[in-house]
Amino acid sequence: MVSFDYHTKIYYKDIDQMGLVYYARYFEFFEQARTELLNDLGIIVSEIEDEGYFLPVVSATCDYKEGAKFEDEVIVRTIIKDMPVAKLTINYEIYRESDDHLLVKGHTIHGFIDKDGNPKRPPKSIMDKLHSLISD
């Protein structure tokens, strides 16, 4: 299992009229955290794209437990549990930093494709990096 914590703060631009984070913003937090996780693993998205691989989101879920509020500091925990075969699943948990309370859980599933949209096997560079970190 690979895990990475991304820290961010809730700004006024993130909230709705009820004072809670607007539901769609959580997917943006997922994306930011996912990019930082991959960077931390040495998997640079632009370099993968230069090699002809793309990782579109093919499925995304978000289960809302409790809304984050303006000025909350949150931790977006990104988790990869399994080696990708044809798709890569990344799980997310968002916690309020002040009390470690779980606010949101979700996941994204990514396919591996070429520039023409044809499915591809995951690149060796990704497989090698994940294999050294994920126990079978």
N, C-alpha and C. Protein backbone atom coordinates (compact mmCIF):
# COMPACT_ATOMS: atom_id res chain seq x y z
N MET A 1 0.84 -1.18 0.00
CA MET A 1 0.00 0.00 0.00
C MET A 1 0.88 1.24 0.00
N VAL A 2 0.47 2.23 -0.78
CA VAL A 2 1.15 3.52 -0.85
C VAL A 2 0.18 4.57 -0.32
N SER A 3 0.67 5.45 0.54
CA SER A 3 -0.19 6.48 1.11
C SER A 3 0.58 7.80 1.12
N PHE A 4 -0.15 8.89 0.87
CA PHE A 4 0.46 10.22 0.87
C PHE A 4 -0.57 11.21 1.42
N ASP A 5 -0.15 12.11 2.28
CA ASP A 5 -1.02 13.13 2.85
C ASP A 5 -0.75 14.49 2.20
N TYR A 6 -1.79 15.06 1.64
CA TYR A 6 -1.74 16.38 1.04
C TYR A 6 -2.54 17.32 1.95
N HIS A 7 -1.92 18.42 2.36
CA HIS A 7 -2.56 19.37 3.26
C HIS A 7 -3.04 20.58 2.47
N THR A 8 -4.26 21.02 2.76
CA THR A 8 -4.79 22.22 2.13
C THR A 8 -5.74 22.92 3.10
N LYS A 9 -6.10 24.12 2.77
CA LYS A 9 -6.99 24.93 3.60
C LYS A 9 -8.24 25.24 2.78
N ILE A 10 -9.36 25.35 3.44
CA ILE A 10 -10.61 25.68 2.79
C ILE A 10 -10.73 27.20 2.73
N TYR A 11 -10.89 27.71 1.51
CA TYR A 11 -11.01 29.14 1.28
C TYR A 11 -12.46 29.49 0.96
N TYR A 12 -12.74 30.79 0.98
CA TYR A 12 -14.09 31.25 0.71
C TYR A 12 -14.59 30.78 -0.66
N LYS A 13 -13.69 30.69 -1.63
CA LYS A 13 -14.04 30.26 -2.98
C LYS A 13 -14.51 28.80 -3.01
N ASP A 14 -14.22 28.04 -1.96
CA ASP A 14 -14.55 26.62 -1.91
C ASP A 14 -15.94 26.33 -1.36
N ILE A 15 -16.55 27.33 -0.71
CA ILE A 15 -17.80 27.03 0.01
C ILE A 15 -19.04 27.48 -0.74
N ASP A 16 -20.16 26.89 -0.35
CA ASP A 16 -21.44 27.24 -0.94
C ASP A 16 -22.21 28.18 0.00
N GLN A 17 -23.45 28.45 -0.33
CA GLN A 17 -24.27 29.38 0.45
C GLN A 17 -24.50 28.89 1.88
N MET A 18 -24.41 27.57 2.10
CA MET A 18 -24.62 27.02 3.44
C MET A 18 -23.35 27.06 4.29
N GLY A 19 -22.25 27.52 3.70
CA GLY A 19 -21.00 27.62 4.45
C GLY A 19 -20.19 26.33 4.45
N LEU A 20 -20.58 25.38 3.61
CA LEU A 20 -19.87 24.11 3.50
C LEU A 20 -19.16 24.03 2.16
N VAL A 21 -18.13 23.21 2.08
CA VAL A 21 -17.44 23.03 0.81
C VAL A 21 -18.45 22.53 -0.22
N TYR A 22 -18.48 23.19 -1.36
CA TYR A 22 -19.34 22.80 -2.47
C TYR A 22 -18.94 21.39 -2.91
N TYR A 23 -19.91 20.52 -3.10
CA TYR A 23 -19.66 19.10 -3.28
C TYR A 23 -18.65 18.78 -4.39
N ALA A 24 -18.67 19.50 -5.50
CA ALA A 24 -17.78 19.20 -6.62
C ALA A 24 -16.33 19.56 -6.32
N ARG A 25 -16.10 20.46 -5.38
CA ARG A 25 -14.72 20.87 -5.04
C ARG A 25 -13.91 19.70 -4.51
N TYR A 26 -14.58 18.72 -3.88
CA TYR A 26 -13.84 17.58 -3.36
C TYR A 26 -13.11 16.84 -4.46
N PHE A 27 -13.70 16.78 -5.66
CA PHE A 27 -13.01 16.13 -6.78
C PHE A 27 -11.77 16.92 -7.19
N GLU A 28 -11.81 18.23 -7.04
CA GLU A 28 -10.63 19.04 -7.31
C GLU A 28 -9.55 18.77 -6.26
N PHE A 29 -9.96 18.62 -5.00
CA PHE A 29 -8.99 18.26 -3.96
C PHE A 29 -8.38 16.89 -4.26
N PHE A 30 -9.21 15.95 -4.73
CA PHE A 30 -8.69 14.63 -5.10
C PHE A 30 -7.61 14.78 -6.17
N GLU A 31 -7.88 15.60 -7.19
CA GLU A 31 -6.94 15.77 -8.29
C GLU A 31 -5.62 16.38 -7.80
N GLN A 32 -5.72 17.39 -6.96
CA GLN A 32 -4.50 18.02 -6.44
C GLN A 32 -3.68 17.01 -5.64
N ALA A 33 -4.35 16.26 -4.78
CA ALA A 33 -3.66 15.28 -3.94
C ALA A 33 -3.06 14.16 -4.79
N ARG A 34 -3.80 13.72 -5.81
CA ARG A 34 -3.31 12.66 -6.70
C ARG A 34 -2.03 13.09 -7.40
N THR A 35 -2.01 14.32 -7.90
CA THR A 35 -0.82 14.83 -8.57
C THR A 35 0.36 14.86 -7.62
N GLU A 36 0.13 15.31 -6.39
CA GLU A 36 1.22 15.36 -5.41
C GLU A 36 1.69 13.95 -5.01
N LEU A 37 0.75 13.01 -4.89
CA LEU A 37 1.13 11.62 -4.61
C LEU A 37 2.03 11.09 -5.71
N LEU A 38 1.61 11.25 -6.96
CA LEU A 38 2.42 10.75 -8.07
C LEU A 38 3.78 11.42 -8.12
N ASN A 39 3.81 12.74 -7.91
CA ASN A 39 5.10 13.45 -7.87
C ASN A 39 6.00 12.90 -6.77
N ASP A 40 5.41 12.64 -5.61
CA ASP A 40 6.17 12.10 -4.48
C ASP A 40 6.77 10.73 -4.82
N LEU A 41 6.07 9.97 -5.66
CA LEU A 41 6.55 8.66 -6.08
C LEU A 41 7.53 8.74 -7.25
N GLY A 42 7.75 9.95 -7.75
CA GLY A 42 8.63 10.11 -8.90
C GLY A 42 7.93 9.82 -10.22
N ILE A 43 6.61 9.84 -10.19
CA ILE A 43 5.82 9.62 -11.40
C ILE A 43 5.28 10.98 -11.83
N ILE A 44 5.94 11.59 -12.80
CA ILE A 44 5.60 12.93 -13.24
C ILE A 44 4.63 12.82 -14.42
N VAL A 45 3.43 13.36 -14.26
CA VAL A 45 2.38 13.20 -15.26
C VAL A 45 2.84 13.69 -16.63
N SER A 46 3.47 14.86 -16.70
CA SER A 46 3.90 15.39 -18.00
C SER A 46 4.93 14.47 -18.67
N GLU A 47 5.78 13.81 -17.89
CA GLU A 47 6.76 12.87 -18.46
C GLU A 47 6.07 11.62 -18.98
N ILE A 48 5.05 11.15 -18.27
CA ILE A 48 4.28 9.99 -18.74
C ILE A 48 3.60 10.33 -20.06
N GLU A 49 3.04 11.53 -20.14
CA GLU A 49 2.39 11.96 -21.37
C GLU A 49 3.39 12.08 -22.51
N ASP A 50 4.62 12.54 -22.21
CA ASP A 50 5.67 12.61 -23.24
C ASP A 50 6.01 11.22 -23.77
N GLU A 51 5.82 10.19 -22.93
CA GLU A 51 6.08 8.81 -23.35
C GLU A 51 4.89 8.22 -24.11
N GLY A 52 3.79 8.99 -24.22
CA GLY A 52 2.63 8.54 -24.98
C GLY A 52 1.55 7.86 -24.16
N TYR A 53 1.61 8.03 -22.84
CA TYR A 53 0.59 7.44 -21.96
C TYR A 53 -0.26 8.54 -21.34
N PHE A 54 -1.56 8.26 -21.23
CA PHE A 54 -2.47 9.18 -20.58
C PHE A 54 -3.31 8.39 -19.58
N LEU A 55 -3.71 9.07 -18.50
CA LEU A 55 -4.44 8.41 -17.41
C LEU A 55 -5.78 9.10 -17.16
N PRO A 56 -6.73 8.99 -18.06
CA PRO A 56 -8.01 9.65 -17.82
C PRO A 56 -8.77 8.98 -16.69
N VAL A 57 -9.57 9.78 -16.01
CA VAL A 57 -10.48 9.25 -15.00
C VAL A 57 -11.63 8.58 -15.74
N VAL A 58 -11.87 7.30 -15.44
CA VAL A 58 -12.98 6.59 -16.06
C VAL A 58 -14.13 6.37 -15.09
N SER A 59 -13.86 6.59 -13.79
CA SER A 59 -14.90 6.49 -12.77
C SER A 59 -14.45 7.29 -11.56
N ALA A 60 -15.41 7.94 -10.90
CA ALA A 60 -15.10 8.71 -9.69
C ALA A 60 -16.28 8.65 -8.74
N THR A 61 -15.97 8.45 -7.46
CA THR A 61 -17.01 8.47 -6.44
C THR A 61 -16.58 9.35 -5.29
N CYS A 62 -17.59 9.82 -4.56
CA CYS A 62 -17.32 10.62 -3.37
C CYS A 62 -18.47 10.40 -2.40
N ASP A 63 -18.15 9.92 -1.21
CA ASP A 63 -19.15 9.74 -0.15
C ASP A 63 -18.92 10.83 0.89
N TYR A 64 -19.94 11.64 1.09
CA TYR A 64 -19.85 12.79 1.97
C TYR A 64 -20.35 12.41 3.37
N LYS A 65 -19.46 12.50 4.34
CA LYS A 65 -19.82 12.20 5.73
C LYS A 65 -20.21 13.48 6.47
N GLU A 66 -19.40 14.51 6.27
CA GLU A 66 -19.63 15.80 6.92
C GLU A 66 -18.90 16.86 6.10
N GLY A 67 -19.48 18.03 5.97
CA GLY A 67 -18.87 19.07 5.15
C GLY A 67 -17.76 19.81 5.87
N ALA A 68 -16.72 20.09 5.11
CA ALA A 68 -15.67 20.98 5.63
C ALA A 68 -16.18 22.41 5.52
N LYS A 69 -15.64 23.28 6.37
CA LYS A 69 -16.11 24.67 6.45
C LYS A 69 -14.97 25.64 6.16
N PHE A 70 -15.36 26.86 5.91
CA PHE A 70 -14.41 27.94 5.64
C PHE A 70 -13.32 27.97 6.71
N GLU A 71 -12.08 28.04 6.25
CA GLU A 71 -10.87 28.11 7.04
C GLU A 71 -10.48 26.80 7.72
N ASP A 72 -11.26 25.72 7.52
CA ASP A 72 -10.79 24.42 8.00
C ASP A 72 -9.49 24.06 7.28
N GLU A 73 -8.58 23.46 8.00
CA GLU A 73 -7.40 22.87 7.38
C GLU A 73 -7.67 21.39 7.29
N VAL A 74 -7.47 20.83 6.09
CA VAL A 74 -7.80 19.42 5.87
C VAL A 74 -6.61 18.66 5.33
N ILE A 75 -6.66 17.36 5.55
CA ILE A 75 -5.67 16.43 5.01
C ILE A 75 -6.40 15.57 3.99
N VAL A 76 -5.87 15.52 2.79
CA VAL A 76 -6.40 14.63 1.77
C VAL A 76 -5.42 13.46 1.68
N ARG A 77 -5.83 12.32 2.20
CA ARG A 77 -4.99 11.13 2.20
C ARG A 77 -5.28 10.35 0.92
N THR A 78 -4.25 10.14 0.11
CA THR A 78 -4.38 9.38 -1.12
C THR A 78 -3.73 8.01 -0.90
N ILE A 79 -4.40 6.98 -1.38
CA ILE A 79 -3.96 5.61 -1.10
C ILE A 79 -4.06 4.78 -2.37
N ILE A 80 -2.97 4.08 -2.68
CA ILE A 80 -2.99 3.06 -3.73
C ILE A 80 -2.75 1.73 -3.03
N LYS A 81 -3.76 0.86 -3.10
CA LYS A 81 -3.68 -0.42 -2.40
C LYS A 81 -3.17 -1.55 -3.28
N ASP A 82 -3.49 -1.48 -4.57
CA ASP A 82 -3.22 -2.60 -5.45
C ASP A 82 -2.44 -2.17 -6.68
N MET A 83 -1.64 -3.10 -7.19
CA MET A 83 -0.93 -2.87 -8.44
C MET A 83 -1.95 -2.76 -9.57
N PRO A 84 -1.74 -1.81 -10.47
CA PRO A 84 -2.65 -1.70 -11.61
C PRO A 84 -2.44 -2.86 -12.59
N VAL A 85 -3.52 -3.32 -13.17
CA VAL A 85 -3.44 -4.31 -14.23
C VAL A 85 -3.78 -3.58 -15.53
N ALA A 86 -5.03 -3.24 -15.69
CA ALA A 86 -5.45 -2.42 -16.83
C ALA A 86 -5.83 -1.02 -16.37
N LYS A 87 -6.18 -0.90 -15.10
CA LYS A 87 -6.62 0.39 -14.54
C LYS A 87 -5.94 0.62 -13.19
N LEU A 88 -5.84 1.88 -12.83
CA LEU A 88 -5.25 2.28 -11.56
C LEU A 88 -6.35 2.88 -10.68
N THR A 89 -6.53 2.33 -9.48
CA THR A 89 -7.50 2.85 -8.54
C THR A 89 -6.77 3.62 -7.44
N ILE A 90 -7.22 4.84 -7.21
CA ILE A 90 -6.67 5.66 -6.13
C ILE A 90 -7.81 6.01 -5.19
N ASN A 91 -7.61 5.71 -3.91
CA ASN A 91 -8.60 5.99 -2.87
C ASN A 91 -8.23 7.29 -2.15
N TYR A 92 -9.27 7.97 -1.66
CA TYR A 92 -9.08 9.26 -0.98
C TYR A 92 -9.87 9.28 0.31
N GLU A 93 -9.28 9.88 1.32
CA GLU A 93 -9.95 10.16 2.59
C GLU A 93 -9.60 11.58 2.97
N ILE A 94 -10.60 12.38 3.28
CA ILE A 94 -10.34 13.76 3.68
C ILE A 94 -10.71 13.91 5.15
N TYR A 95 -9.74 14.40 5.92
CA TYR A 95 -9.89 14.58 7.37
C TYR A 95 -9.74 16.05 7.71
N ARG A 96 -10.52 16.51 8.69
CA ARG A 96 -10.30 17.83 9.26
C ARG A 96 -9.06 17.70 10.15
N GLU A 97 -8.11 18.55 9.92
CA GLU A 97 -6.82 18.42 10.60
C GLU A 97 -6.92 18.66 12.11
N SER A 98 -7.78 19.55 12.55
CA SER A 98 -7.84 19.91 13.96
C SER A 98 -8.28 18.76 14.86
N ASP A 99 -9.14 17.87 14.36
CA ASP A 99 -9.61 16.76 15.20
C ASP A 99 -9.52 15.39 14.53
N ASP A 100 -8.90 15.34 13.35
CA ASP A 100 -8.71 14.09 12.61
C ASP A 100 -10.04 13.41 12.30
N HIS A 101 -11.09 14.20 12.12
CA HIS A 101 -12.43 13.67 11.84
C HIS A 101 -12.58 13.42 10.34
N LEU A 102 -13.03 12.21 9.97
CA LEU A 102 -13.23 11.86 8.57
C LEU A 102 -14.42 12.64 8.02
N LEU A 103 -14.19 13.35 6.91
CA LEU A 103 -15.23 14.15 6.27
C LEU A 103 -15.74 13.52 4.98
N VAL A 104 -14.83 12.97 4.21
CA VAL A 104 -15.15 12.48 2.87
C VAL A 104 -14.30 11.26 2.54
N LYS A 105 -14.90 10.31 1.82
CA LYS A 105 -14.17 9.17 1.25
C LYS A 105 -14.54 9.07 -0.21
N GLY A 106 -13.60 8.65 -1.04
CA GLY A 106 -13.90 8.48 -2.45
C GLY A 106 -12.80 7.73 -3.15
N HIS A 107 -12.98 7.57 -4.45
CA HIS A 107 -11.92 6.98 -5.26
C HIS A 107 -12.07 7.43 -6.70
N THR A 108 -10.97 7.32 -7.41
CA THR A 108 -10.98 7.50 -8.86
C THR A 108 -10.34 6.28 -9.48
N ILE A 109 -10.84 5.91 -10.65
CA ILE A 109 -10.26 4.82 -11.42
C ILE A 109 -9.76 5.43 -12.73
N HIS A 110 -8.52 5.11 -13.07
CA HIS A 110 -7.87 5.67 -14.25
C HIS A 110 -7.52 4.56 -15.23
N GLY A 111 -7.83 4.80 -16.48
CA GLY A 111 -7.39 3.88 -17.53
C GLY A 111 -6.05 4.35 -18.07
N PHE A 112 -5.36 3.47 -18.73
CA PHE A 112 -4.12 3.82 -19.42
C PHE A 112 -4.44 3.80 -20.91
N ILE A 113 -4.22 4.93 -21.59
CA ILE A 113 -4.51 5.00 -23.01
C ILE A 113 -3.36 5.70 -23.74
N ASP A 114 -3.36 5.56 -25.07
CA ASP A 114 -2.41 6.32 -25.88
C ASP A 114 -3.08 7.61 -26.36
N LYS A 115 -2.36 8.41 -27.13
CA LYS A 115 -2.89 9.72 -27.56
C LYS A 115 -4.14 9.60 -28.42
N ASP A 116 -4.36 8.42 -29.02
CA ASP A 116 -5.55 8.20 -29.85
C ASP A 116 -6.71 7.61 -29.06
N GLY A 117 -6.52 7.40 -27.76
CA GLY A 117 -7.57 6.87 -26.92
C GLY A 117 -7.64 5.35 -26.85
N ASN A 118 -6.63 4.70 -27.39
CA ASN A 118 -6.59 3.23 -27.35
C ASN A 118 -6.03 2.75 -26.02
N PRO A 119 -6.64 1.71 -25.44
CA PRO A 119 -6.14 1.19 -24.17
C PRO A 119 -4.71 0.67 -24.30
N LYS A 120 -3.94 0.87 -23.23
CA LYS A 120 -2.56 0.39 -23.17
C LYS A 120 -2.33 -0.25 -21.81
N ARG A 121 -1.35 -1.10 -21.73
CA ARG A 121 -0.92 -1.63 -20.44
C ARG A 121 -0.17 -0.51 -19.71
N PRO A 122 -0.18 -0.55 -18.38
CA PRO A 122 0.56 0.48 -17.63
C PRO A 122 2.04 0.48 -18.03
N PRO A 123 2.65 1.65 -18.12
CA PRO A 123 4.06 1.70 -18.49
C PRO A 123 4.96 1.06 -17.44
N LYS A 124 6.06 0.50 -17.91
CA LYS A 124 7.01 -0.17 -17.03
C LYS A 124 7.52 0.77 -15.94
N SER A 125 7.71 2.03 -16.28
CA SER A 125 8.22 3.00 -15.29
C SER A 125 7.29 3.10 -14.08
N ILE A 126 5.98 3.11 -14.31
CA ILE A 126 5.01 3.17 -13.22
C ILE A 126 4.99 1.84 -12.48
N MET A 127 4.95 0.76 -13.22
CA MET A 127 4.89 -0.57 -12.60
C MET A 127 6.09 -0.81 -11.69
N ASP A 128 7.28 -0.44 -12.15
CA ASP A 128 8.50 -0.64 -11.35
C ASP A 128 8.44 0.16 -10.06
N LYS A 129 8.01 1.41 -10.14
CA LYS A 129 7.94 2.25 -8.93
C LYS A 129 6.90 1.73 -7.95
N LEU A 130 5.74 1.34 -8.45
CA LEU A 130 4.68 0.84 -7.55
C LEU A 130 5.02 -0.53 -7.00
N HIS A 131 5.64 -1.37 -7.81
CA HIS A 131 5.97 -2.74 -7.36
C HIS A 131 6.89 -2.71 -6.14
N SER A 132 7.80 -1.75 -6.12
CA SER A 132 8.73 -1.68 -4.98
C SER A 132 8.05 -1.17 -3.71
N LEU A 133 6.84 -0.59 -3.84
CA LEU A 133 6.16 0.00 -2.69
C LEU A 133 4.93 -0.76 -2.22
N ILE A 134 4.33 -1.53 -3.11
CA ILE A 134 3.09 -2.24 -2.78
C ILE A 134 3.40 -3.71 -2.58
N SER A 135 3.04 -4.21 -1.41
CA SER A 135 3.25 -5.64 -1.16
C SER A 135 2.12 -6.43 -1.79
N ASP A 136 2.46 -7.56 -2.34
CA ASP A 136 1.44 -8.40 -2.99
C ASP A 136 0.59 -9.13 -1.99
